[in-house]
Amino acid sequence: MPPELPRSMRAKNDFPVVRISVDDRDYDLPLGEVTSNIAREVRQAAGRSLSKVIAEAETDGDIDTIAVLVFAARRVAGEQVTFAEVESSISYGSGFGVEMGEGDDSGEVPAAS
């Protein structure tokens, strides 16, 4: 089950999406597709749960938080990437941001509100 997000961030099909941008590249993290294995990998890499990382991103989107979200998004997308690889590719010189959005039944990820 995906981490709990405020009702205002939920689509009618209950499929919230986190969009992470790093250096003009977007990574979509559809929370409904996060498996327990990926959640465990995130906890091992970050020392905290994915839901806590998402909450931190809303108030303190520092590069360590961004790296965790990118790692989770890439793992959900099927990439066999390590956290160390992702973490070393993001610096304070990177342009980055996080938006909360809602998925829909089409599989498209609309722009976050």
PDB file of N, CA and C in Angstrom:
ATOM      1  N   MET A   1       0.846  -1.173   0.000  1.00  0.00           N
ATOM      2  CA  MET A   1       0.000   0.000   0.000  1.00  0.00           C
ATOM      3  C   MET A   1       0.892   1.237   0.000  1.00  0.00           C
ATOM      4  N   PRO A   2       0.583   2.223  -0.839  1.00  0.00           N
ATOM      5  CA  PRO A   2       1.433   3.408  -0.882  1.00  0.00           C
ATOM      6  C   PRO A   2       1.354   4.201   0.410  1.00  0.00           C
ATOM      7  N   PRO A   3       2.365   5.013   0.667  1.00  0.00           N
ATOM      8  CA  PRO A   3       2.325   5.842   1.875  1.00  0.00           C
ATOM      9  C   PRO A   3       1.094   6.737   1.865  1.00  0.00           C
ATOM     10  N   GLU A   4       0.580   7.032   3.036  1.00  0.00           N
ATOM     11  CA  GLU A   4      -0.591   7.903   3.146  1.00  0.00           C
ATOM     12  C   GLU A   4      -0.221   9.331   2.777  1.00  0.00           C
ATOM     13  N   LEU A   5      -0.986   9.914   1.896  1.00  0.00           N
ATOM     14  CA  LEU A   5      -0.831  11.311   1.539  1.00  0.00           C
ATOM     15  C   LEU A   5      -2.139  12.022   1.853  1.00  0.00           C
ATOM     16  N   PRO A   6      -2.094  13.333   2.043  1.00  0.00           N
ATOM     17  CA  PRO A   6      -3.332  14.060   2.302  1.00  0.00           C
ATOM     18  C   PRO A   6      -4.359  13.809   1.203  1.00  0.00           C
ATOM     19  N   ARG A   7      -5.614  13.825   1.566  1.00  0.00           N
ATOM     20  CA  ARG A   7      -6.697  13.557   0.635  1.00  0.00           C
ATOM     21  C   ARG A   7      -6.635  14.469  -0.587  1.00  0.00           C
ATOM     22  N   SER A   8      -6.173  15.699  -0.396  1.00  0.00           N
ATOM     23  CA  SER A   8      -6.099  16.652  -1.502  1.00  0.00           C
ATOM     24  C   SER A   8      -5.105  16.227  -2.578  1.00  0.00           C
ATOM     25  N   MET A   9      -4.192  15.305  -2.256  1.00  0.00           N
ATOM     26  CA  MET A   9      -3.199  14.846  -3.225  1.00  0.00           C
ATOM     27  C   MET A   9      -3.604  13.539  -3.889  1.00  0.00           C
ATOM     28  N   ARG A  10      -4.761  13.014  -3.555  1.00  0.00           N
ATOM     29  CA  ARG A  10      -5.150  11.721  -4.077  1.00  0.00           C
ATOM     30  C   ARG A  10      -6.048  11.864  -5.300  1.00  0.00           C
ATOM     31  N   ALA A  11      -5.779  11.078  -6.299  1.00  0.00           N
ATOM     32  CA  ALA A  11      -6.662  11.011  -7.446  1.00  0.00           C
ATOM     33  C   ALA A  11      -7.868  10.170  -7.071  1.00  0.00           C
ATOM     34  N   LYS A  12      -8.910  10.245  -7.890  1.00  0.00           N
ATOM     35  CA  LYS A  12     -10.099   9.467  -7.559  1.00  0.00           C
ATOM     36  C   LYS A  12      -9.817   7.969  -7.561  1.00  0.00           C
ATOM     37  N   ASN A  13      -8.786   7.543  -8.288  1.00  0.00           N
ATOM     38  CA  ASN A  13      -8.425   6.126  -8.265  1.00  0.00           C
ATOM     39  C   ASN A  13      -7.326   5.843  -7.245  1.00  0.00           C
ATOM     40  N   ASP A  14      -7.058   6.822  -6.365  1.00  0.00           N
ATOM     41  CA  ASP A  14      -6.122   6.629  -5.260  1.00  0.00           C
ATOM     42  C   ASP A  14      -4.710   6.301  -5.740  1.00  0.00           C
ATOM     43  N   PHE A  15      -4.225   7.047  -6.719  1.00  0.00           N
ATOM     44  CA  PHE A  15      -2.940   6.760  -7.336  1.00  0.00           C
ATOM     45  C   PHE A  15      -2.075   8.019  -7.385  1.00  0.00           C
ATOM     46  N   PRO A  16      -1.582   8.492  -6.222  1.00  0.00           N
ATOM     47  CA  PRO A  16      -0.750   9.695  -6.213  1.00  0.00           C
ATOM     48  C   PRO A  16       0.590   9.454  -6.899  1.00  0.00           C
ATOM     49  N   VAL A  17       1.130  10.523  -7.462  1.00  0.00           N
ATOM     50  CA  VAL A  17       2.401  10.465  -8.172  1.00  0.00           C
ATOM     51  C   VAL A  17       3.291  11.598  -7.668  1.00  0.00           C
ATOM     52  N   VAL A  18       4.554  11.292  -7.461  1.00  0.00           N
ATOM     53  CA  VAL A  18       5.535  12.308  -7.115  1.00  0.00           C
ATOM     54  C   VAL A  18       6.399  12.506  -8.362  1.00  0.00           C
ATOM     55  N   ARG A  19       6.539  13.755  -8.813  1.00  0.00           N
ATOM     56  CA  ARG A  19       7.397  14.051  -9.961  1.00  0.00           C
ATOM     57  C   ARG A  19       8.634  14.781  -9.436  1.00  0.00           C
ATOM     58  N   ILE A  20       9.797  14.206  -9.734  1.00  0.00           N
ATOM     59  CA  ILE A  20      11.068  14.767  -9.299  1.00  0.00           C
ATOM     60  C   ILE A  20      11.808  15.243 -10.547  1.00  0.00           C
ATOM     61  N   SER A  21      12.300  16.460 -10.514  1.00  0.00           N
ATOM     62  CA  SER A  21      13.070  17.006 -11.631  1.00  0.00           C
ATOM     63  C   SER A  21      14.498  17.256 -11.164  1.00  0.00           C
ATOM     64  N   VAL A  22      15.457  16.764 -11.948  1.00  0.00           N
ATOM     65  CA  VAL A  22      16.872  16.994 -11.671  1.00  0.00           C
ATOM     66  C   VAL A  22      17.539  17.330 -12.995  1.00  0.00           C
ATOM     67  N   ASP A  23      18.131  18.509 -13.043  1.00  0.00           N
ATOM     68  CA  ASP A  23      18.836  18.942 -14.258  1.00  0.00           C
ATOM     69  C   ASP A  23      18.001  18.727 -15.519  1.00  0.00           C
ATOM     70  N   ASP A  24      16.778  19.212 -15.508  1.00  0.00           N
ATOM     71  CA  ASP A  24      15.867  19.149 -16.662  1.00  0.00           C
ATOM     72  C   ASP A  24      15.441  17.738 -17.042  1.00  0.00           C
ATOM     73  N   ARG A  25      15.620  16.782 -16.168  1.00  0.00           N
ATOM     74  CA  ARG A  25      15.121  15.431 -16.411  1.00  0.00           C
ATOM     75  C   ARG A  25      14.068  15.131 -15.352  1.00  0.00           C
ATOM     76  N   ASP A  26      12.918  14.608 -15.790  1.00  0.00           N
ATOM     77  CA  ASP A  26      11.830  14.283 -14.871  1.00  0.00           C
ATOM     78  C   ASP A  26      11.807  12.795 -14.560  1.00  0.00           C
ATOM     79  N   TYR A  27      11.559  12.495 -13.301  1.00  0.00           N
ATOM     80  CA  TYR A  27      11.386  11.125 -12.836  1.00  0.00           C
ATOM     81  C   TYR A  27      10.014  11.065 -12.170  1.00  0.00           C
ATOM     82  N   ASP A  28       9.171  10.155 -12.609  1.00  0.00           N
ATOM     83  CA  ASP A  28       7.857   9.995 -12.001  1.00  0.00           C
ATOM     84  C   ASP A  28       7.868   8.809 -11.060  1.00  0.00           C
ATOM     85  N   LEU A  29       7.329   9.027  -9.884  1.00  0.00           N
ATOM     86  CA  LEU A  29       7.248   7.989  -8.858  1.00  0.00           C
ATOM     87  C   LEU A  29       5.782   7.729  -8.546  1.00  0.00           C
ATOM     88  N   PRO A  30       5.161   6.794  -9.282  1.00  0.00           N
ATOM     89  CA  PRO A  30       3.769   6.442  -9.003  1.00  0.00           C
ATOM     90  C   PRO A  30       3.720   5.572  -7.742  1.00  0.00           C
ATOM     91  N   LEU A  31       3.189   6.130  -6.681  1.00  0.00           N
ATOM     92  CA  LEU A  31       3.262   5.446  -5.385  1.00  0.00           C
ATOM     93  C   LEU A  31       2.512   4.122  -5.376  1.00  0.00           C
ATOM     94  N   GLY A  32       1.528   3.986  -6.213  1.00  0.00           N
ATOM     95  CA  GLY A  32       0.802   2.724  -6.295  1.00  0.00           C
ATOM     96  C   GLY A  32       1.630   1.583  -6.849  1.00  0.00           C
ATOM     97  N   GLU A  33       2.776   1.896  -7.435  1.00  0.00           N
ATOM     98  CA  GLU A  33       3.638   0.865  -8.005  1.00  0.00           C
ATOM     99  C   GLU A  33       4.861   0.556  -7.144  1.00  0.00           C
ATOM    100  N   VAL A  34       4.954   1.182  -5.976  1.00  0.00           N
ATOM    101  CA  VAL A  34       6.072   0.909  -5.069  1.00  0.00           C
ATOM    102  C   VAL A  34       5.820  -0.432  -4.386  1.00  0.00           C
ATOM    103  N   THR A  35       6.740  -1.365  -4.581  1.00  0.00           N
ATOM    104  CA  THR A  35       6.609  -2.680  -3.944  1.00  0.00           C
ATOM    105  C   THR A  35       7.240  -2.656  -2.552  1.00  0.00           C
ATOM    106  N   SER A  36       6.974  -3.675  -1.789  1.00  0.00           N
ATOM    107  CA  SER A  36       7.581  -3.749  -0.457  1.00  0.00           C
ATOM    108  C   SER A  36       9.102  -3.875  -0.567  1.00  0.00           C
ATOM    109  N   ASN A  37       9.589  -4.519  -1.625  1.00  0.00           N
ATOM    110  CA  ASN A  37      11.038  -4.618  -1.812  1.00  0.00           C
ATOM    111  C   ASN A  37      11.659  -3.243  -2.032  1.00  0.00           C
ATOM    112  N   ILE A  38      11.020  -2.428  -2.853  1.00  0.00           N
ATOM    113  CA  ILE A  38      11.538  -1.082  -3.098  1.00  0.00           C
ATOM    114  C   ILE A  38      11.432  -0.245  -1.835  1.00  0.00           C
ATOM    115  N   ALA A  39      10.326  -0.359  -1.118  1.00  0.00           N
ATOM    116  CA  ALA A  39      10.173   0.382   0.144  1.00  0.00           C
ATOM    117  C   ALA A  39      11.282   0.000   1.128  1.00  0.00           C
ATOM    118  N   ARG A  40      11.624  -1.292   1.167  1.00  0.00           N
ATOM    119  CA  ARG A  40      12.704  -1.750   2.038  1.00  0.00           C
ATOM    120  C   ARG A  40      14.052  -1.190   1.587  1.00  0.00           C
ATOM    121  N   GLU A  41      14.297  -1.192   0.267  1.00  0.00           N
ATOM    122  CA  GLU A  41      15.540  -0.631  -0.263  1.00  0.00           C
ATOM    123  C   GLU A  41      15.661   0.851   0.096  1.00  0.00           C
ATOM    124  N   VAL A  42      14.550   1.577   0.001  1.00  0.00           N
ATOM    125  CA  VAL A  42      14.556   2.997   0.360  1.00  0.00           C
ATOM    126  C   VAL A  42      14.886   3.165   1.834  1.00  0.00           C
ATOM    127  N   ARG A  43      14.251   2.363   2.681  1.00  0.00           N
ATOM    128  CA  ARG A  43      14.502   2.471   4.127  1.00  0.00           C
ATOM    129  C   ARG A  43      15.965   2.151   4.445  1.00  0.00           C
ATOM    130  N   GLN A  44      16.519   1.142   3.786  1.00  0.00           N
ATOM    131  CA  GLN A  44      17.920   0.798   4.021  1.00  0.00           C
ATOM    132  C   GLN A  44      18.850   1.911   3.546  1.00  0.00           C
ATOM    133  N   ALA A  45      18.544   2.506   2.405  1.00  0.00           N
ATOM    134  CA  ALA A  45      19.398   3.558   1.853  1.00  0.00           C
ATOM    135  C   ALA A  45      19.280   4.858   2.627  1.00  0.00           C
ATOM    136  N   ALA A  46      18.046   5.198   3.016  1.00  0.00           N
ATOM    137  CA  ALA A  46      17.796   6.514   3.610  1.00  0.00           C
ATOM    138  C   ALA A  46      17.725   6.507   5.126  1.00  0.00           C
ATOM    139  N   GLY A  47      17.501   5.341   5.704  1.00  0.00           N
ATOM    140  CA  GLY A  47      17.350   5.283   7.157  1.00  0.00           C
ATOM    141  C   GLY A  47      15.990   5.757   7.624  1.00  0.00           C
ATOM    142  N   ARG A  48      15.059   5.910   6.693  1.00  0.00           N
ATOM    143  CA  ARG A  48      13.694   6.325   7.025  1.00  0.00           C
ATOM    144  C   ARG A  48      12.763   5.813   5.929  1.00  0.00           C
ATOM    145  N   SER A  49      11.482   5.816   6.221  1.00  0.00           N
ATOM    146  CA  SER A  49      10.504   5.274   5.278  1.00  0.00           C
ATOM    147  C   SER A  49      10.274   6.217   4.104  1.00  0.00           C
ATOM    148  N   LEU A  50       9.734   5.683   3.030  1.00  0.00           N
ATOM    149  CA  LEU A  50       9.417   6.480   1.859  1.00  0.00           C
ATOM    150  C   LEU A  50       8.399   7.563   2.203  1.00  0.00           C
ATOM    151  N   SER A  51       7.416   7.249   3.032  1.00  0.00           N
ATOM    152  CA  SER A  51       6.416   8.259   3.401  1.00  0.00           C
ATOM    153  C   SER A  51       7.060   9.424   4.146  1.00  0.00           C
ATOM    154  N   LYS A  52       8.056   9.147   4.979  1.00  0.00           N
ATOM    155  CA  LYS A  52       8.767  10.241   5.667  1.00  0.00           C
ATOM    156  C   LYS A  52       9.608  11.050   4.690  1.00  0.00           C
ATOM    157  N   VAL A  53      10.203  10.398   3.722  1.00  0.00           N
ATOM    158  CA  VAL A  53      10.986  11.097   2.711  1.00  0.00           C
ATOM    159  C   VAL A  53      10.081  12.033   1.907  1.00  0.00           C
ATOM    160  N   ILE A  54       8.896  11.556   1.547  1.00  0.00           N
ATOM    161  CA  ILE A  54       7.948  12.382   0.800  1.00  0.00           C
ATOM    162  C   ILE A  54       7.527  13.587   1.629  1.00  0.00           C
ATOM    163  N   ALA A  55       7.236  13.371   2.903  1.00  0.00           N
ATOM    164  CA  ALA A  55       6.862  14.483   3.788  1.00  0.00           C
ATOM    165  C   ALA A  55       8.005  15.490   3.897  1.00  0.00           C
ATOM    166  N   GLU A  56       9.236  15.004   3.993  1.00  0.00           N
ATOM    167  CA  GLU A  56      10.399  15.894   4.056  1.00  0.00           C
ATOM    168  C   GLU A  56      10.539  16.698   2.770  1.00  0.00           C
ATOM    169  N   ALA A  57      10.250  16.082   1.643  1.00  0.00           N
ATOM    170  CA  ALA A  57      10.389  16.763   0.354  1.00  0.00           C
ATOM    171  C   ALA A  57       9.475  17.973   0.261  1.00  0.00           C
ATOM    172  N   GLU A  58       8.349  17.917   0.943  1.00  0.00           N
ATOM    173  CA  GLU A  58       7.407  19.035   0.907  1.00  0.00           C
ATOM    174  C   GLU A  58       7.881  20.215   1.744  1.00  0.00           C
ATOM    175  N   THR A  59       8.700  19.963   2.756  1.00  0.00           N
ATOM    176  CA  THR A  59       9.133  21.035   3.643  1.00  0.00           C
ATOM    177  C   THR A  59      10.627  21.323   3.554  1.00  0.00           C
ATOM    178  N   ASP A  60      11.431  20.319   3.184  1.00  0.00           N
ATOM    179  CA  ASP A  60      12.883  20.463   3.168  1.00  0.00           C
ATOM    180  C   ASP A  60      13.447  19.594   2.059  1.00  0.00           C
ATOM    181  N   GLY A  61      13.267  20.017   0.821  1.00  0.00           N
ATOM    182  CA  GLY A  61      13.703  19.224  -0.319  1.00  0.00           C
ATOM    183  C   GLY A  61      15.188  19.346  -0.586  1.00  0.00           C
ATOM    184  N   ASP A  62      15.996  18.931   0.365  1.00  0.00           N
ATOM    185  CA  ASP A  62      17.454  18.997   0.221  1.00  0.00           C
ATOM    186  C   ASP A  62      17.920  17.866  -0.700  1.00  0.00           C
ATOM    187  N   ILE A  63      19.188  17.893  -1.101  1.00  0.00           N
ATOM    188  CA  ILE A  63      19.667  16.946  -2.104  1.00  0.00           C
ATOM    189  C   ILE A  63      19.610  15.495  -1.639  1.00  0.00           C
ATOM    190  N   ASP A  64      19.746  15.237  -0.344  1.00  0.00           N
ATOM    191  CA  ASP A  64      19.652  13.845   0.107  1.00  0.00           C
ATOM    192  C   ASP A  64      18.229  13.319  -0.073  1.00  0.00           C
ATOM    193  N   THR A  65      17.244  14.156   0.176  1.00  0.00           N
ATOM    194  CA  THR A  65      15.840  13.768  -0.013  1.00  0.00           C
ATOM    195  C   THR A  65      15.551  13.560  -1.491  1.00  0.00           C
ATOM    196  N   ILE A  66      16.045  14.460  -2.332  1.00  0.00           N
ATOM    197  CA  ILE A  66      15.857  14.335  -3.780  1.00  0.00           C
ATOM    198  C   ILE A  66      16.471  13.035  -4.278  1.00  0.00           C
ATOM    199  N   ALA A  67      17.662  12.703  -3.791  1.00  0.00           N
ATOM    200  CA  ALA A  67      18.345  11.475  -4.217  1.00  0.00           C
ATOM    201  C   ALA A  67      17.523  10.238  -3.874  1.00  0.00           C
ATOM    202  N   VAL A  68      16.915  10.215  -2.699  1.00  0.00           N
ATOM    203  CA  VAL A  68      16.105   9.066  -2.300  1.00  0.00           C
ATOM    204  C   VAL A  68      14.895   8.928  -3.219  1.00  0.00           C
ATOM    205  N   LEU A  69      14.239  10.035  -3.526  1.00  0.00           N
ATOM    206  CA  LEU A  69      13.060   9.987  -4.396  1.00  0.00           C
ATOM    207  C   LEU A  69      13.428   9.551  -5.815  1.00  0.00           C
ATOM    208  N   VAL A  70      14.552  10.056  -6.330  1.00  0.00           N
ATOM    209  CA  VAL A  70      15.001   9.639  -7.662  1.00  0.00           C
ATOM    210  C   VAL A  70      15.328   8.149  -7.651  1.00  0.00           C
ATOM    211  N   PHE A  71      15.993   7.697  -6.612  1.00  0.00           N
ATOM    212  CA  PHE A  71      16.308   6.273  -6.485  1.00  0.00           C
ATOM    213  C   PHE A  71      15.032   5.439  -6.530  1.00  0.00           C
ATOM    214  N   ALA A  72      14.033   5.812  -5.740  1.00  0.00           N
ATOM    215  CA  ALA A  72      12.767   5.064  -5.711  1.00  0.00           C
ATOM    216  C   ALA A  72      12.095   5.096  -7.076  1.00  0.00           C
ATOM    217  N   ALA A  73      12.070   6.245  -7.729  1.00  0.00           N
ATOM    218  CA  ALA A  73      11.437   6.361  -9.047  1.00  0.00           C
ATOM    219  C   ALA A  73      12.131   5.477 -10.078  1.00  0.00           C
ATOM    220  N   ARG A  74      13.447   5.470 -10.049  1.00  0.00           N
ATOM    221  CA  ARG A  74      14.189   4.660 -11.016  1.00  0.00           C
ATOM    222  C   ARG A  74      14.023   3.173 -10.740  1.00  0.00           C
ATOM    223  N   ARG A  75      13.943   2.792  -9.469  1.00  0.00           N
ATOM    224  CA  ARG A  75      13.706   1.378  -9.134  1.00  0.00           C
ATOM    225  C   ARG A  75      12.304   0.951  -9.568  1.00  0.00           C
ATOM    226  N   VAL A  76      11.302   1.805  -9.358  1.00  0.00           N
ATOM    227  CA  VAL A  76       9.938   1.492  -9.801  1.00  0.00           C
ATOM    228  C   VAL A  76       9.907   1.345 -11.324  1.00  0.00           C
ATOM    229  N   ALA A  77      10.696   2.153 -12.024  1.00  0.00           N
ATOM    230  CA  ALA A  77      10.760   2.086 -13.488  1.00  0.00           C
ATOM    231  C   ALA A  77      11.502   0.841 -13.982  1.00  0.00           C
ATOM    232  N   GLY A  78      12.067   0.066 -13.055  1.00  0.00           N
ATOM    233  CA  GLY A  78      12.726  -1.181 -13.424  1.00  0.00           C
ATOM    234  C   GLY A  78      14.231  -1.090 -13.591  1.00  0.00           C
ATOM    235  N   GLU A  79      14.799   0.082 -13.329  1.00  0.00           N
ATOM    236  CA  GLU A  79      16.250   0.219 -13.446  1.00  0.00           C
ATOM    237  C   GLU A  79      16.949  -0.486 -12.283  1.00  0.00           C
ATOM    238  N   GLN A  80      18.038  -1.141 -12.583  1.00  0.00           N
ATOM    239  CA  GLN A  80      18.834  -1.821 -11.554  1.00  0.00           C
ATOM    240  C   GLN A  80      19.936  -0.890 -11.076  1.00  0.00           C
ATOM    241  N   VAL A  81      19.533   0.263 -10.565  1.00  0.00           N
ATOM    242  CA  VAL A  81      20.462   1.281 -10.123  1.00  0.00           C
ATOM    243  C   VAL A  81      20.663   1.172  -8.616  1.00  0.00           C
ATOM    244  N   THR A  82      21.845   1.531  -8.150  1.00  0.00           N
ATOM    245  CA  THR A  82      22.089   1.529  -6.708  1.00  0.00           C
ATOM    246  C   THR A  82      21.869   2.937  -6.160  1.00  0.00           C
ATOM    247  N   PHE A  83      21.627   3.012  -4.870  1.00  0.00           N
ATOM    248  CA  PHE A  83      21.456   4.325  -4.250  1.00  0.00           C
ATOM    249  C   PHE A  83      22.743   5.137  -4.371  1.00  0.00           C
ATOM    250  N   ALA A  84      23.885   4.483  -4.225  1.00  0.00           N
ATOM    251  CA  ALA A  84      25.168   5.183  -4.326  1.00  0.00           C
ATOM    252  C   ALA A  84      25.333   5.840  -5.698  1.00  0.00           C
ATOM    253  N   GLU A  85      24.899   5.159  -6.763  1.00  0.00           N
ATOM    254  CA  GLU A  85      24.989   5.731  -8.102  1.00  0.00           C
ATOM    255  C   GLU A  85      24.120   6.983  -8.227  1.00  0.00           C
ATOM    256  N   VAL A  86      22.904   6.894  -7.706  1.00  0.00           N
ATOM    257  CA  VAL A  86      21.993   8.042  -7.776  1.00  0.00           C
ATOM    258  C   VAL A  86      22.512   9.180  -6.915  1.00  0.00           C
ATOM    259  N   GLU A  87      22.883   8.855  -5.701  1.00  0.00           N
ATOM    260  CA  GLU A  87      23.344   9.864  -4.747  1.00  0.00           C
ATOM    261  C   GLU A  87      24.547  10.638  -5.284  1.00  0.00           C
ATOM    262  N   SER A  88      25.471   9.947  -5.930  1.00  0.00           N
ATOM    263  CA  SER A  88      26.679  10.609  -6.424  1.00  0.00           C
ATOM    264  C   SER A  88      26.420  11.454  -7.665  1.00  0.00           C
ATOM    265  N   SER A  89      25.253  11.301  -8.284  1.00  0.00           N
ATOM    266  CA  SER A  89      24.952  12.060  -9.496  1.00  0.00           C
ATOM    267  C   SER A  89      24.220  13.375  -9.218  1.00  0.00           C
ATOM    268  N   ILE A  90      23.871  13.635  -7.957  1.00  0.00           N
ATOM    269  CA  ILE A  90      23.125  14.839  -7.593  1.00  0.00           C
ATOM    270  C   ILE A  90      23.968  15.679  -6.646  1.00  0.00           C
ATOM    271  N   SER A  91      24.078  16.971  -6.974  1.00  0.00           N
ATOM    272  CA  SER A  91      24.860  17.882  -6.133  1.00  0.00           C
ATOM    273  C   SER A  91      24.078  19.174  -5.946  1.00  0.00           C
ATOM    274  N   TYR A  92      24.609  20.062  -5.115  1.00  0.00           N
ATOM    275  CA  TYR A  92      23.976  21.367  -4.951  1.00  0.00           C
ATOM    276  C   TYR A  92      24.020  22.165  -6.248  1.00  0.00           C
ATOM    277  N   GLY A  93      24.885  21.798  -7.164  1.00  0.00           N
ATOM    278  CA  GLY A  93      24.921  22.442  -8.468  1.00  0.00           C
ATOM    279  C   GLY A  93      23.825  21.963  -9.405  1.00  0.00           C
ATOM    280  N   SER A  94      23.154  20.891  -9.024  1.00  0.00           N
ATOM    281  CA  SER A  94      22.049  20.370  -9.830  1.00  0.00           C
ATOM    282  C   SER A  94      20.822  21.252  -9.635  1.00  0.00           C
ATOM    283  N   GLY A  95      20.064  21.417 -10.693  1.00  0.00           N
ATOM    284  CA  GLY A  95      18.760  22.053 -10.542  1.00  0.00           C
ATOM    285  C   GLY A  95      17.769  20.964 -10.191  1.00  0.00           C
ATOM    286  N   PHE A  96      16.993  21.141  -9.136  1.00  0.00           N
ATOM    287  CA  PHE A  96      16.065  20.077  -8.754  1.00  0.00           C
ATOM    288  C   PHE A  96      14.791  20.636  -8.138  1.00  0.00           C
ATOM    289  N   GLY A  97      13.765  19.796  -8.161  1.00  0.00           N
ATOM    290  CA  GLY A  97      12.488  20.155  -7.561  1.00  0.00           C
ATOM    291  C   GLY A  97      11.599  18.940  -7.437  1.00  0.00           C
ATOM    292  N   VAL A  98      10.539  19.080  -6.637  1.00  0.00           N
ATOM    293  CA  VAL A  98       9.586  17.997  -6.407  1.00  0.00           C
ATOM    294  C   VAL A  98       8.187  18.570  -6.500  1.00  0.00           C
ATOM    295  N   GLU A  99       7.311  17.852  -7.193  1.00  0.00           N
ATOM    296  CA  GLU A  99       5.903  18.221  -7.276  1.00  0.00           C
ATOM    297  C   GLU A  99       5.056  17.000  -6.957  1.00  0.00           C
ATOM    298  N   MET A 100       3.960  17.233  -6.268  1.00  0.00           N
ATOM    299  CA  MET A 100       3.013  16.167  -5.992  1.00  0.00           C
ATOM    300  C   MET A 100       1.909  16.256  -7.036  1.00  0.00           C
ATOM    301  N   GLY A 101       1.555  15.139  -7.608  1.00  0.00           N
ATOM    302  CA  GLY A 101       0.505  15.109  -8.621  1.00  0.00           C
ATOM    303  C   GLY A 101      -0.394  13.917  -8.423  1.00  0.00           C
ATOM    304  N   GLU A 102      -1.291  13.746  -9.366  1.00  0.00           N
ATOM    305  CA  GLU A 102      -2.246  12.648  -9.294  1.00  0.00           C
ATOM    306  C   GLU A 102      -2.223  11.904 -10.609  1.00  0.00           C
ATOM    307  N   GLY A 103      -2.152  10.592 -10.556  1.00  0.00           N
ATOM    308  CA  GLY A 103      -2.227   9.789 -11.749  1.00  0.00           C
ATOM    309  C   GLY A 103      -3.674   9.651 -12.178  1.00  0.00           C
ATOM    310  N   ASP A 104      -3.871   9.069 -13.356  1.00  0.00           N
ATOM    311  CA  ASP A 104      -5.231   8.798 -13.803  1.00  0.00           C
ATOM    312  C   ASP A 104      -5.265   7.446 -14.496  1.00  0.00           C
ATOM    313  N   ASP A 105      -6.414   7.061 -14.952  1.00  0.00           N
ATOM    314  CA  ASP A 105      -6.575   5.747 -15.556  1.00  0.00           C
ATOM    315  C   ASP A 105      -5.890   5.599 -16.909  1.00  0.00           C
ATOM    316  N   SER A 106      -5.486   6.713 -17.528  1.00  0.00           N
ATOM    317  CA  SER A 106      -4.875   6.645 -18.857  1.00  0.00           C
ATOM    318  C   SER A 106      -3.419   6.213 -18.801  1.00  0.00           C
ATOM    319  N   GLY A 107      -2.826   6.237 -17.617  1.00  0.00           N
ATOM    320  CA  GLY A 107      -1.405   5.935 -17.497  1.00  0.00           C
ATOM    321  C   GLY A 107      -0.552   7.171 -17.666  1.00  0.00           C
ATOM    322  N   GLU A 108      -1.150   8.276 -18.097  1.00  0.00           N
ATOM    323  CA  GLU A 108      -0.429   9.535 -18.219  1.00  0.00           C
ATOM    324  C   GLU A 108      -0.241  10.150 -16.839  1.00  0.00           C
ATOM    325  N   VAL A 109       0.810  10.893 -16.671  1.00  0.00           N
ATOM    326  CA  VAL A 109       1.029  11.611 -15.431  1.00  0.00           C
ATOM    327  C   VAL A 109       0.832  13.085 -15.724  1.00  0.00           C
ATOM    328  N   PRO A 110      -0.296  13.655 -15.304  1.00  0.00           N
ATOM    329  CA  PRO A 110      -0.534  15.068 -15.593  1.00  0.00           C
ATOM    330  C   PRO A 110       0.400  15.958 -14.782  1.00  0.00           C
ATOM    331  N   ALA A 111       0.502  17.192 -15.219  1.00  0.00           N
ATOM    332  CA  ALA A 111       1.319  18.144 -14.472  1.00  0.00           C
ATOM    333  C   ALA A 111       0.786  18.243 -13.051  1.00  0.00           C
ATOM    334  N   ALA A 112       1.698  18.285 -12.119  1.00  0.00           N
ATOM    335  CA  ALA A 112       1.302  18.367 -10.708  1.00  0.00           C
ATOM    336  C   ALA A 112       0.668  19.708 -10.431  1.00  0.00           C
ATOM    337  N   SER A 113      -0.246  19.716  -9.482  1.00  0.00           N
ATOM    338  CA  SER A 113      -0.916  20.969  -9.136  1.00  0.00           C
ATOM    339  C   SER A 113      -0.202  21.694  -8.040  1.00  0.00           C
TER     340      SER A 113
END
